[in-house]
C-alpha cells in the first residue's frame, strides 16, 4: 500500500493555457497521457457507501487495477490509502476485474461485500498533462497533473478540468507553496480547491445531488463542498448553501481564527462577493490565505 497525498484544484476555462505558459513550469520535464478508466461497484453501491473507489485504467497497452480508500480532505488536500497492480498477468472475471487480488488485500472496507457482483458503473476518459516539478527551496518533488475530459454515466456527462498536485517526496506544505506560486504573478491561475473526486462526482451524477444539509458550525471545507455541488449540478440551492455557510464563517469566526490577518479577512470578502454575484470563486490566492490563517 502507498499513501497518496495530493491537492486538487478545479480550474476555469482559461486556466490550462495560463498553466502551460507559467514560468514556474517552463523548465519541468513534461509528458502527456491518454487515460481511459472504468469504475466498479455492486448494484446497491456498496463500495460507494464504504467510500472506496475501484477502477481499471487503460494507459496505452497497459491495464492497471487500483483501489483507493476514503480520503481525509481539507481545502482540496487529501490523504488516502491506494493499492495498484498490473492486470497483464492476472486472471480476470467477465467484468474485467481481478477479484482474487481484491480478496488478497483483506481490507475491512471490503468486508461483507460480494466481490463477484462487482460490475462497471461509470467511466472517465481524459487527457493528462504531467509536469515533474522540483522545489529548489524545500527539495520537494511534486507531480503536477492537468486532467481534461469527461465523466460518463450512461448518457449523462460532467466535464473534467482539474489540476492535481501529488507529493512524491517532501512535506505537504510544499503543495500550498506551489499553489501560491501558480496563483500569483501577472497572470494568476484561476483555480479553487475541490474536495470531490472524479468518483464522488460520478456518484452524484448517478444518484442526483441531495439537498444541502443545514450546518450549525460550517467550515471552509463545507463551503468548498457546496461550490463543488453547485458547479456540477447547476442547482441554485447549492450556491445558496455556499453563501450561507460562508456568511456563518464571516459572522462568527471573523473574531476568531480567520481574523488573524488582513489578508484572511480580505479573502473572505472576495469569495463572498463572487458567490453573491453568482460567480464561481476562482481566486486561488484567497483560498490559500484562508487556509494559512487557520493553521
C-alpha atoms as a PDB file:
ATOM      1  CA  UNK A   1       0.000   0.000   0.000  1.00  0.00           C
ATOM      2  CA  UNK A   2       1.086   3.561  -0.674  1.00  0.00           C
ATOM      3  CA  UNK A   3      -0.286   6.764   0.808  1.00  0.00           C
ATOM      4  CA  UNK A   4      -1.373   9.323  -1.751  1.00  0.00           C
ATOM      5  CA  UNK A   5      -1.079  12.967  -0.650  1.00  0.00           C
ATOM      6  CA  UNK A   6      -2.397  15.419  -3.197  1.00  0.00           C
ATOM      7  CA  UNK A   7      -4.008  18.817  -3.587  1.00  0.00           C
ATOM      8  CA  UNK A   8      -6.905  19.001  -6.033  1.00  0.00           C
ATOM      9  CA  UNK A   9      -7.866  22.257  -7.765  1.00  0.00           C
ATOM     10  CA  UNK A  10     -10.811  22.872 -10.076  1.00  0.00           C
ATOM     11  CA  UNK A  11      -9.939  25.195 -12.986  1.00  0.00           C
ATOM     12  CA  UNK A  12     -11.832  27.774 -15.011  1.00  0.00           C
ATOM     13  CA  UNK A  13     -11.986  27.652 -18.800  1.00  0.00           C
ATOM     14  CA  UNK A  14      -8.837  29.701 -19.458  1.00  0.00           C
ATOM     15  CA  UNK A  15      -6.664  28.159 -16.748  1.00  0.00           C
ATOM     16  CA  UNK A  16      -4.990  25.400 -18.845  1.00  0.00           C
ATOM     17  CA  UNK A  17      -3.487  27.962 -21.227  1.00  0.00           C
ATOM     18  CA  UNK A  18      -2.234  30.019 -18.281  1.00  0.00           C
ATOM     19  CA  UNK A  19      -0.740  26.921 -16.690  1.00  0.00           C
ATOM     20  CA  UNK A  20       1.114  25.843 -19.825  1.00  0.00           C
ATOM     21  CA  UNK A  21       2.793  29.246 -20.097  1.00  0.00           C
ATOM     22  CA  UNK A  22       3.515  29.658 -16.381  1.00  0.00           C
ATOM     23  CA  UNK A  23       7.196  30.490 -15.647  1.00  0.00           C
ATOM     24  CA  UNK A  24       7.332  28.043 -12.729  1.00  0.00           C
ATOM     25  CA  UNK A  25       6.781  25.120 -15.117  1.00  0.00           C
ATOM     26  CA  UNK A  26       8.788  26.089 -18.184  1.00  0.00           C
ATOM     27  CA  UNK A  27      11.843  24.049 -17.194  1.00  0.00           C
ATOM     28  CA  UNK A  28       9.934  20.994 -15.925  1.00  0.00           C
ATOM     29  CA  UNK A  29      10.048  17.632 -17.642  1.00  0.00           C
ATOM     30  CA  UNK A  30       6.661  17.095 -19.265  1.00  0.00           C
ATOM     31  CA  UNK A  31       4.651  14.241 -20.750  1.00  0.00           C
ATOM     32  CA  UNK A  32       1.102  13.580 -21.976  1.00  0.00           C
ATOM     33  CA  UNK A  33      -1.055  10.511 -21.342  1.00  0.00           C
ATOM     34  CA  UNK A  34      -4.464   9.480 -22.645  1.00  0.00           C
ATOM     35  CA  UNK A  35      -6.308   7.576 -19.927  1.00  0.00           C
ATOM     36  CA  UNK A  36      -9.493   5.532 -20.053  1.00  0.00           C
ATOM     37  CA  UNK A  37     -10.993   4.344 -16.767  1.00  0.00           C
ATOM     38  CA  UNK A  38     -13.888   2.139 -15.753  1.00  0.00           C
ATOM     39  CA  UNK A  39     -15.128   2.207 -12.160  1.00  0.00           C
ATOM     40  CA  UNK A  40     -16.853  -0.711 -10.484  1.00  0.00           C
ATOM     41  CA  UNK A  41     -19.429  -1.248  -7.743  1.00  0.00           C
ATOM     42  CA  UNK A  42     -22.239  -3.580  -6.706  1.00  0.00           C
ATOM     43  CA  UNK A  43     -25.818  -2.792  -7.834  1.00  0.00           C
ATOM     44  CA  UNK A  44     -26.508  -1.379  -4.361  1.00  0.00           C
ATOM     45  CA  UNK A  45     -23.445   0.880  -4.433  1.00  0.00           C
ATOM     46  CA  UNK A  46     -21.680  -0.809  -1.512  1.00  0.00           C
ATOM     47  CA  UNK A  47     -18.211   0.452  -2.458  1.00  0.00           C
ATOM     48  CA  UNK A  48     -19.561   3.973  -2.761  1.00  0.00           C
ATOM     49  CA  UNK A  49     -21.158   3.655   0.690  1.00  0.00           C
ATOM     50  CA  UNK A  50     -17.810   2.484   2.097  1.00  0.00           C
ATOM     51  CA  UNK A  51     -16.118   5.437   0.341  1.00  0.00           C
ATOM     52  CA  UNK A  52     -13.970   3.087  -1.709  1.00  0.00           C
ATOM     53  CA  UNK A  53     -13.132   3.614  -5.388  1.00  0.00           C
ATOM     54  CA  UNK A  54     -12.188   0.665  -7.610  1.00  0.00           C
ATOM     55  CA  UNK A  55     -11.131   1.152 -11.219  1.00  0.00           C
ATOM     56  CA  UNK A  56      -9.418  -0.376 -14.207  1.00  0.00           C
ATOM     57  CA  UNK A  57      -7.222   2.108 -16.080  1.00  0.00           C
ATOM     58  CA  UNK A  58      -6.119   1.681 -19.672  1.00  0.00           C
ATOM     59  CA  UNK A  59      -2.888   3.543 -20.454  1.00  0.00           C
ATOM     60  CA  UNK A  60      -1.750   2.541 -23.914  1.00  0.00           C
ATOM     61  CA  UNK A  61      -1.426  -1.249 -23.812  1.00  0.00           C
ATOM     62  CA  UNK A  62      -1.103  -1.349 -20.019  1.00  0.00           C
ATOM     63  CA  UNK A  63      -4.081  -2.223 -17.794  1.00  0.00           C
ATOM     64  CA  UNK A  64      -3.918  -1.358 -14.102  1.00  0.00           C
ATOM     65  CA  UNK A  65      -6.365  -2.162 -11.330  1.00  0.00           C
ATOM     66  CA  UNK A  66      -6.475   0.391  -8.494  1.00  0.00           C
ATOM     67  CA  UNK A  67      -8.361   0.531  -5.223  1.00  0.00           C
ATOM     68  CA  UNK A  68      -8.480   3.701  -3.137  1.00  0.00           C
ATOM     69  CA  UNK A  69      -9.931   4.046   0.333  1.00  0.00           C
ATOM     70  CA  UNK A  70     -11.694   7.060   1.807  1.00  0.00           C
ATOM     71  CA  UNK A  71      -9.754  10.309   1.660  1.00  0.00           C
ATOM     72  CA  UNK A  72      -9.477  12.768   4.524  1.00  0.00           C
ATOM     73  CA  UNK A  73      -9.724  16.063   2.628  1.00  0.00           C
ATOM     74  CA  UNK A  74      -9.130  19.647   3.734  1.00  0.00           C
ATOM     75  CA  UNK A  75      -9.144  22.504   1.281  1.00  0.00           C
ATOM     76  CA  UNK A  76      -8.576  20.097  -1.586  1.00  0.00           C
ATOM     77  CA  UNK A  77      -5.610  18.469   0.210  1.00  0.00           C
ATOM     78  CA  UNK A  78      -6.288  14.769   0.710  1.00  0.00           C
ATOM     79  CA  UNK A  79      -4.548  11.688   2.051  1.00  0.00           C
ATOM     80  CA  UNK A  80      -5.778   8.142   1.404  1.00  0.00           C
ATOM     81  CA  UNK A  81      -4.703   4.538   1.012  1.00  0.00           C
ATOM     82  CA  UNK A  82      -4.014   3.285  -2.505  1.00  0.00           C
ATOM     83  CA  UNK A  83      -3.303  -0.195  -3.916  1.00  0.00           C
ATOM     84  CA  UNK A  84      -2.407  -0.730  -7.568  1.00  0.00           C
ATOM     85  CA  UNK A  85      -1.350  -3.723  -9.618  1.00  0.00           C
ATOM     86  CA  UNK A  86      -0.980  -4.715 -13.255  1.00  0.00           C
ATOM     87  CA  UNK A  87      -3.577  -6.974 -14.870  1.00  0.00           C
ATOM     88  CA  UNK A  88      -1.243  -8.083 -17.631  1.00  0.00           C
ATOM     89  CA  UNK A  89      -0.509 -11.417 -15.922  1.00  0.00           C
ATOM     90  CA  UNK A  90      -3.610 -11.740 -13.726  1.00  0.00           C
ATOM     91  CA  UNK A  91      -6.771 -13.717 -14.377  1.00  0.00           C
ATOM     92  CA  UNK A  92      -9.857 -11.504 -14.741  1.00  0.00           C
ATOM     93  CA  UNK A  93     -13.553 -12.270 -14.489  1.00  0.00           C
ATOM     94  CA  UNK A  94     -16.139 -11.413 -17.136  1.00  0.00           C
ATOM     95  CA  UNK A  95     -16.351  -7.815 -15.907  1.00  0.00           C
ATOM     96  CA  UNK A  96     -12.602  -7.406 -16.405  1.00  0.00           C
ATOM     97  CA  UNK A  97     -11.651  -7.420 -12.716  1.00  0.00           C
ATOM     98  CA  UNK A  98      -9.038  -9.331 -10.768  1.00  0.00           C
ATOM     99  CA  UNK A  99     -11.318 -10.337  -7.878  1.00  0.00           C
ATOM    100  CA  UNK A 100      -8.714 -12.688  -6.408  1.00  0.00           C
ATOM    101  CA  UNK A 101      -6.353  -9.739  -5.995  1.00  0.00           C
ATOM    102  CA  UNK A 102      -9.031  -7.836  -4.086  1.00  0.00           C
ATOM    103  CA  UNK A 103      -9.506 -10.744  -1.725  1.00  0.00           C
ATOM    104  CA  UNK A 104      -5.759 -10.873  -1.110  1.00  0.00           C
ATOM    105  CA  UNK A 105      -5.902  -7.333   0.273  1.00  0.00           C
ATOM    106  CA  UNK A 106      -8.243  -8.429   3.104  1.00  0.00           C
ATOM    107  CA  UNK A 107      -9.400  -4.872   3.814  1.00  0.00           C
ATOM    108  CA  UNK A 108     -12.052  -4.071   6.457  1.00  0.00           C
ATOM    109  CA  UNK A 109     -13.697  -1.709   3.937  1.00  0.00           C
ATOM    110  CA  UNK A 110     -14.435  -4.704   1.686  1.00  0.00           C
ATOM    111  CA  UNK A 111     -15.748  -6.966   4.465  1.00  0.00           C
ATOM    112  CA  UNK A 112     -19.200  -8.337   3.735  1.00  0.00           C
ATOM    113  CA  UNK A 113     -19.217  -7.227   0.080  1.00  0.00           C
ATOM    114  CA  UNK A 114     -19.800  -9.933  -2.517  1.00  0.00           C
ATOM    115  CA  UNK A 115     -16.942  -9.108  -4.869  1.00  0.00           C
ATOM    116  CA  UNK A 116     -18.322 -11.397  -7.571  1.00  0.00           C
ATOM    117  CA  UNK A 117     -21.224  -8.941  -8.045  1.00  0.00           C
ATOM    118  CA  UNK A 118     -18.976  -6.021  -8.987  1.00  0.00           C
ATOM    119  CA  UNK A 119     -19.654  -4.534 -12.420  1.00  0.00           C
ATOM    120  CA  UNK A 120     -18.851  -1.278 -14.310  1.00  0.00           C
ATOM    121  CA  UNK A 121     -20.955   1.703 -13.185  1.00  0.00           C
ATOM    122  CA  UNK A 122     -19.307   4.705 -14.839  1.00  0.00           C
ATOM    123  CA  UNK A 123     -16.276   5.762 -16.855  1.00  0.00           C
ATOM    124  CA  UNK A 124     -13.850   8.643 -17.045  1.00  0.00           C
ATOM    125  CA  UNK A 125     -11.852   9.475 -20.158  1.00  0.00           C
ATOM    126  CA  UNK A 126      -9.331  12.290 -20.161  1.00  0.00           C
ATOM    127  CA  UNK A 127      -6.007  13.609 -21.329  1.00  0.00           C
ATOM    128  CA  UNK A 128      -3.422  14.070 -18.575  1.00  0.00           C
ATOM    129  CA  UNK A 129      -0.577  16.550 -18.991  1.00  0.00           C
ATOM    130  CA  UNK A 130       2.159  15.884 -16.451  1.00  0.00           C
ATOM    131  CA  UNK A 131       4.879  18.185 -15.168  1.00  0.00           C
ATOM    132  CA  UNK A 132       7.576  16.819 -12.839  1.00  0.00           C
ATOM    133  CA  UNK A 133       8.323  19.726 -10.515  1.00  0.00           C
ATOM    134  CA  UNK A 134      11.288  20.080  -8.161  1.00  0.00           C
ATOM    135  CA  UNK A 135      11.040  22.768  -5.491  1.00  0.00           C
ATOM    136  CA  UNK A 136      14.556  24.195  -5.102  1.00  0.00           C
ATOM    137  CA  UNK A 137      13.743  25.731  -1.701  1.00  0.00           C
ATOM    138  CA  UNK A 138      12.204  22.716   0.075  1.00  0.00           C
ATOM    139  CA  UNK A 139      13.650  19.956  -2.172  1.00  0.00           C
ATOM    140  CA  UNK A 140      10.129  18.570  -2.520  1.00  0.00           C
ATOM    141  CA  UNK A 141       9.218  16.552  -5.605  1.00  0.00           C
ATOM    142  CA  UNK A 142       5.695  17.191  -6.926  1.00  0.00           C
ATOM    143  CA  UNK A 143       3.852  15.651  -9.850  1.00  0.00           C
ATOM    144  CA  UNK A 144       1.520  18.173 -11.469  1.00  0.00           C
ATOM    145  CA  UNK A 145      -1.340  16.613 -13.429  1.00  0.00           C
ATOM    146  CA  UNK A 146      -3.706  18.625 -15.619  1.00  0.00           C
ATOM    147  CA  UNK A 147      -6.729  16.458 -16.436  1.00  0.00           C
ATOM    148  CA  UNK A 148      -9.202  17.385 -19.202  1.00  0.00           C
ATOM    149  CA  UNK A 149     -12.034  15.148 -20.353  1.00  0.00           C
ATOM    150  CA  UNK A 150     -15.403  13.757 -19.275  1.00  0.00           C
ATOM    151  CA  UNK A 151     -17.155  11.642 -16.649  1.00  0.00           C
ATOM    152  CA  UNK A 152     -19.837   9.448 -18.239  1.00  0.00           C
ATOM    153  CA  UNK A 153     -22.782   7.728 -16.555  1.00  0.00           C
ATOM    154  CA  UNK A 154     -24.965   6.206 -19.293  1.00  0.00           C
ATOM    155  CA  UNK A 155     -25.785   9.243 -21.494  1.00  0.00           C
ATOM    156  CA  UNK A 156     -25.042  11.861 -18.819  1.00  0.00           C
ATOM    157  CA  UNK A 157     -21.785  13.797 -18.732  1.00  0.00           C
ATOM    158  CA  UNK A 158     -19.695  16.014 -16.463  1.00  0.00           C
ATOM    159  CA  UNK A 159     -16.619  17.935 -17.583  1.00  0.00           C
ATOM    160  CA  UNK A 160     -13.224  17.162 -16.086  1.00  0.00           C
ATOM    161  CA  UNK A 161     -10.947  20.191 -15.890  1.00  0.00           C
ATOM    162  CA  UNK A 162      -8.801  19.942 -12.804  1.00  0.00           C
ATOM    163  CA  UNK A 163      -5.285  20.120 -11.505  1.00  0.00           C
ATOM    164  CA  UNK A 164      -3.835  17.586  -9.087  1.00  0.00           C
ATOM    165  CA  UNK A 165      -0.583  18.302  -7.274  1.00  0.00           C
ATOM    166  CA  UNK A 166       0.695  14.999  -5.878  1.00  0.00           C
ATOM    167  CA  UNK A 167       3.502  14.988  -3.336  1.00  0.00           C
ATOM    168  CA  UNK A 168       6.169  12.469  -4.288  1.00  0.00           C
ATOM    169  CA  UNK A 169       8.670  13.491  -1.597  1.00  0.00           C
ATOM    170  CA  UNK A 170       8.907  16.277   0.954  1.00  0.00           C
ATOM    171  CA  UNK A 171       6.379  17.968   3.227  1.00  0.00           C
ATOM    172  CA  UNK A 172       2.697  18.685   2.360  1.00  0.00           C
ATOM    173  CA  UNK A 173       3.303  22.413   2.882  1.00  0.00           C
ATOM    174  CA  UNK A 174       5.182  22.367  -0.434  1.00  0.00           C
ATOM    175  CA  UNK A 175       1.846  21.778  -2.213  1.00  0.00           C
ATOM    176  CA  UNK A 176       0.436  25.013  -0.775  1.00  0.00           C
ATOM    177  CA  UNK A 177       3.626  26.866  -1.685  1.00  0.00           C
ATOM    178  CA  UNK A 178       3.409  25.708  -5.291  1.00  0.00           C
ATOM    179  CA  UNK A 179      -0.277  26.694  -5.382  1.00  0.00           C
ATOM    180  CA  UNK A 180       0.727  30.165  -4.207  1.00  0.00           C
ATOM    181  CA  UNK A 181       3.332  30.394  -6.984  1.00  0.00           C
ATOM    182  CA  UNK A 182       0.834  29.322  -9.636  1.00  0.00           C
ATOM    183  CA  UNK A 183      -1.854  31.694  -8.332  1.00  0.00           C
ATOM    184  CA  UNK A 184       0.439  34.734  -8.225  1.00  0.00           C
ATOM    185  CA  UNK A 185       2.143  36.917 -10.789  1.00  0.00           C
ATOM    186  CA  UNK A 186       0.926  38.914 -13.766  1.00  0.00           C
ATOM    187  CA  UNK A 187      -1.394  36.146 -14.976  1.00  0.00           C
ATOM    188  CA  UNK A 188      -2.513  34.165 -11.914  1.00  0.00           C
ATOM    189  CA  UNK A 189      -4.015  30.730 -12.352  1.00  0.00           C
ATOM    190  CA  UNK A 190      -7.810  30.899 -11.898  1.00  0.00           C
ATOM    191  CA  UNK A 191      -8.443  27.924  -9.635  1.00  0.00           C
ATOM    192  CA  UNK A 192     -10.147  26.871  -6.423  1.00  0.00           C
ATOM    193  CA  UNK A 193      -9.789  23.940  -4.014  1.00  0.00           C
ATOM    194  CA  UNK A 194     -12.042  20.973  -4.863  1.00  0.00           C
ATOM    195  CA  UNK A 195     -12.830  18.207  -2.401  1.00  0.00           C
ATOM    196  CA  UNK A 196     -14.905  15.956  -4.667  1.00  0.00           C
ATOM    197  CA  UNK A 197     -13.031  13.226  -6.535  1.00  0.00           C
ATOM    198  CA  UNK A 198     -13.954  12.031 -10.003  1.00  0.00           C
ATOM    199  CA  UNK A 199     -15.605   9.015  -8.365  1.00  0.00           C
ATOM    200  CA  UNK A 200     -17.701  11.081  -5.937  1.00  0.00           C
ATOM    201  CA  UNK A 201     -18.745  13.422  -8.745  1.00  0.00           C
ATOM    202  CA  UNK A 202     -19.837  10.427 -10.813  1.00  0.00           C
ATOM    203  CA  UNK A 203     -21.788   9.066  -7.834  1.00  0.00           C
ATOM    204  CA  UNK A 204     -23.706  12.345  -7.585  1.00  0.00           C
ATOM    205  CA  UNK A 205     -24.360  12.264 -11.325  1.00  0.00           C
ATOM    206  CA  UNK A 206     -25.737   8.733 -10.978  1.00  0.00           C
ATOM    207  CA  UNK A 207     -27.980   9.375  -7.983  1.00  0.00           C
ATOM    208  CA  UNK A 208     -28.590  13.123  -8.098  1.00  0.00           C
ATOM    209  CA  UNK A 209     -27.452  15.785  -5.666  1.00  0.00           C
ATOM    210  CA  UNK A 210     -29.164  15.556  -2.282  1.00  0.00           C
ATOM    211  CA  UNK A 211     -30.491  18.733  -0.689  1.00  0.00           C
ATOM    212  CA  UNK A 212     -27.857  20.738   1.226  1.00  0.00           C
ATOM    213  CA  UNK A 213     -27.908  19.926   4.936  1.00  0.00           C
ATOM    214  CA  UNK A 214     -28.115  22.791   7.460  1.00  0.00           C
ATOM    215  CA  UNK A 215     -24.841  23.017   9.371  1.00  0.00           C
ATOM    216  CA  UNK A 216     -24.630  24.715  12.786  1.00  0.00           C
ATOM    217  CA  UNK A 217     -20.878  25.300  12.612  1.00  0.00           C
ATOM    218  CA  UNK A 218     -19.714  25.203   8.966  1.00  0.00           C
ATOM    219  CA  UNK A 219     -16.075  25.106   7.924  1.00  0.00           C
ATOM    220  CA  UNK A 220     -14.317  26.215   4.770  1.00  0.00           C
ATOM    221  CA  UNK A 221     -14.479  22.635   3.531  1.00  0.00           C
ATOM    222  CA  UNK A 222     -18.266  22.771   3.849  1.00  0.00           C
ATOM    223  CA  UNK A 223     -18.206  25.854   1.614  1.00  0.00           C
ATOM    224  CA  UNK A 224     -15.982  24.049  -0.903  1.00  0.00           C
ATOM    225  CA  UNK A 225     -18.326  21.038  -0.900  1.00  0.00           C
ATOM    226  CA  UNK A 226     -21.263  23.327  -1.703  1.00  0.00           C
ATOM    227  CA  UNK A 227     -19.368  25.060  -4.513  1.00  0.00           C
ATOM    228  CA  UNK A 228     -18.376  21.646  -5.929  1.00  0.00           C
ATOM    229  CA  UNK A 229     -22.022  20.567  -5.979  1.00  0.00           C
ATOM    230  CA  UNK A 230     -23.207  23.899  -7.389  1.00  0.00           C
ATOM    231  CA  UNK A 231     -20.732  23.834 -10.267  1.00  0.00           C
ATOM    232  CA  UNK A 232     -21.631  20.245 -11.232  1.00  0.00           C
ATOM    233  CA  UNK A 233     -25.392  20.316 -10.666  1.00  0.00           C
ATOM    234  CA  UNK A 234     -26.156  23.928 -11.618  1.00  0.00           C
ATOM    235  CA  UNK A 235     -28.731  23.920  -8.810  1.00  0.00           C
ATOM    236  CA  UNK A 236     -29.158  27.376  -7.165  1.00  0.00           C
ATOM    237  CA  UNK A 237     -29.771  25.810  -3.758  1.00  0.00           C
ATOM    238  CA  UNK A 238     -26.127  24.743  -3.626  1.00  0.00           C
ATOM    239  CA  UNK A 239     -24.911  28.275  -4.349  1.00  0.00           C
ATOM    240  CA  UNK A 240     -27.258  29.489  -1.619  1.00  0.00           C
ATOM    241  CA  UNK A 241     -25.787  26.895   0.738  1.00  0.00           C
ATOM    242  CA  UNK A 242     -22.271  28.117  -0.058  1.00  0.00           C
ATOM    243  CA  UNK A 243     -23.342  31.724   0.608  1.00  0.00           C
ATOM    244  CA  UNK A 244     -24.986  30.787   3.916  1.00  0.00           C
ATOM    245  CA  UNK A 245     -22.055  28.720   5.094  1.00  0.00           C
ATOM    246  CA  UNK A 246     -19.562  31.439   4.250  1.00  0.00           C
ATOM    247  CA  UNK A 247     -21.746  34.043   5.955  1.00  0.00           C
ATOM    248  CA  UNK A 248     -21.694  31.935   9.117  1.00  0.00           C
ATOM    249  CA  UNK A 249     -17.901  31.765   8.970  1.00  0.00           C
ATOM    250  CA  UNK A 250     -17.617  35.512   8.379  1.00  0.00           C
ATOM    251  CA  UNK A 251     -20.044  36.384  11.160  1.00  0.00           C
ATOM    252  CA  UNK A 252     -18.896  34.010  13.864  1.00  0.00           C
ATOM    253  CA  UNK A 253     -15.262  33.297  13.106  1.00  0.00           C
ATOM    254  CA  UNK A 254     -14.052  36.686  11.912  1.00  0.00           C
ATOM    255  CA  UNK A 255     -13.226  37.427  15.541  1.00  0.00           C
ATOM    256  CA  UNK A 256     -11.602  34.009  15.883  1.00  0.00           C
ATOM    257  CA  UNK A 257      -9.066  32.220  13.692  1.00  0.00           C
ATOM    258  CA  UNK A 258      -9.911  33.896  10.353  1.00  0.00           C
ATOM    259  CA  UNK A 259      -9.245  37.349  11.784  1.00  0.00           C
ATOM    260  CA  UNK A 260      -5.551  36.667  12.287  1.00  0.00           C
ATOM    261  CA  UNK A 261      -4.568  38.704   9.230  1.00  0.00           C
ATOM    262  CA  UNK A 262      -5.882  41.384   6.927  1.00  0.00           C
ATOM    263  CA  UNK A 263      -5.248  39.004   4.031  1.00  0.00           C
ATOM    264  CA  UNK A 264      -7.606  36.403   5.506  1.00  0.00           C
ATOM    265  CA  UNK A 265     -10.320  38.993   6.075  1.00  0.00           C
ATOM    266  CA  UNK A 266      -9.960  40.289   2.507  1.00  0.00           C
ATOM    267  CA  UNK A 267     -10.035  36.701   1.200  1.00  0.00           C
ATOM    268  CA  UNK A 268     -13.363  36.023   2.921  1.00  0.00           C
ATOM    269  CA  UNK A 269     -14.768  39.197   1.380  1.00  0.00           C
ATOM    270  CA  UNK A 270     -13.533  38.290  -2.122  1.00  0.00           C
ATOM    271  CA  UNK A 271     -15.026  34.793  -2.041  1.00  0.00           C
ATOM    272  CA  UNK A 272     -18.313  36.085  -0.591  1.00  0.00           C
ATOM    273  CA  UNK A 273     -18.537  38.774  -3.295  1.00  0.00           C
ATOM    274  CA  UNK A 274     -18.084  36.210  -6.080  1.00  0.00           C
ATOM    275  CA  UNK A 275     -20.725  33.879  -4.663  1.00  0.00           C
ATOM    276  CA  UNK A 276     -23.209  36.714  -4.105  1.00  0.00           C
ATOM    277  CA  UNK A 277     -22.793  37.720  -7.761  1.00  0.00           C
ATOM    278  CA  UNK A 278     -23.418  34.145  -8.934  1.00  0.00           C
ATOM    279  CA  UNK A 279     -19.794  33.507  -9.935  1.00  0.00           C
ATOM    280  CA  UNK A 280     -17.560  30.565  -9.106  1.00  0.00           C
ATOM    281  CA  UNK A 281     -14.861  31.889  -6.709  1.00  0.00           C
ATOM    282  CA  UNK A 282     -11.745  31.107  -8.724  1.00  0.00           C
ATOM    283  CA  UNK A 283      -9.413  33.173  -6.515  1.00  0.00           C
ATOM    284  CA  UNK A 284      -6.781  30.573  -5.599  1.00  0.00           C
ATOM    285  CA  UNK A 285      -4.793  33.143  -3.613  1.00  0.00           C
ATOM    286  CA  UNK A 286      -7.849  33.963  -1.470  1.00  0.00           C
ATOM    287  CA  UNK A 287      -8.453  30.324  -0.545  1.00  0.00           C
ATOM    288  CA  UNK A 288      -4.772  29.897   0.204  1.00  0.00           C
ATOM    289  CA  UNK A 289      -4.795  32.920   2.528  1.00  0.00           C
ATOM    290  CA  UNK A 290      -7.693  31.431   4.482  1.00  0.00           C
ATOM    291  CA  UNK A 291      -6.088  28.045   5.000  1.00  0.00           C
ATOM    292  CA  UNK A 292      -2.814  29.619   6.010  1.00  0.00           C
ATOM    293  CA  UNK A 293      -4.624  31.743   8.613  1.00  0.00           C
ATOM    294  CA  UNK A 294      -6.264  28.647  10.074  1.00  0.00           C
ATOM    295  CA  UNK A 295      -3.026  26.656  10.501  1.00  0.00           C
END
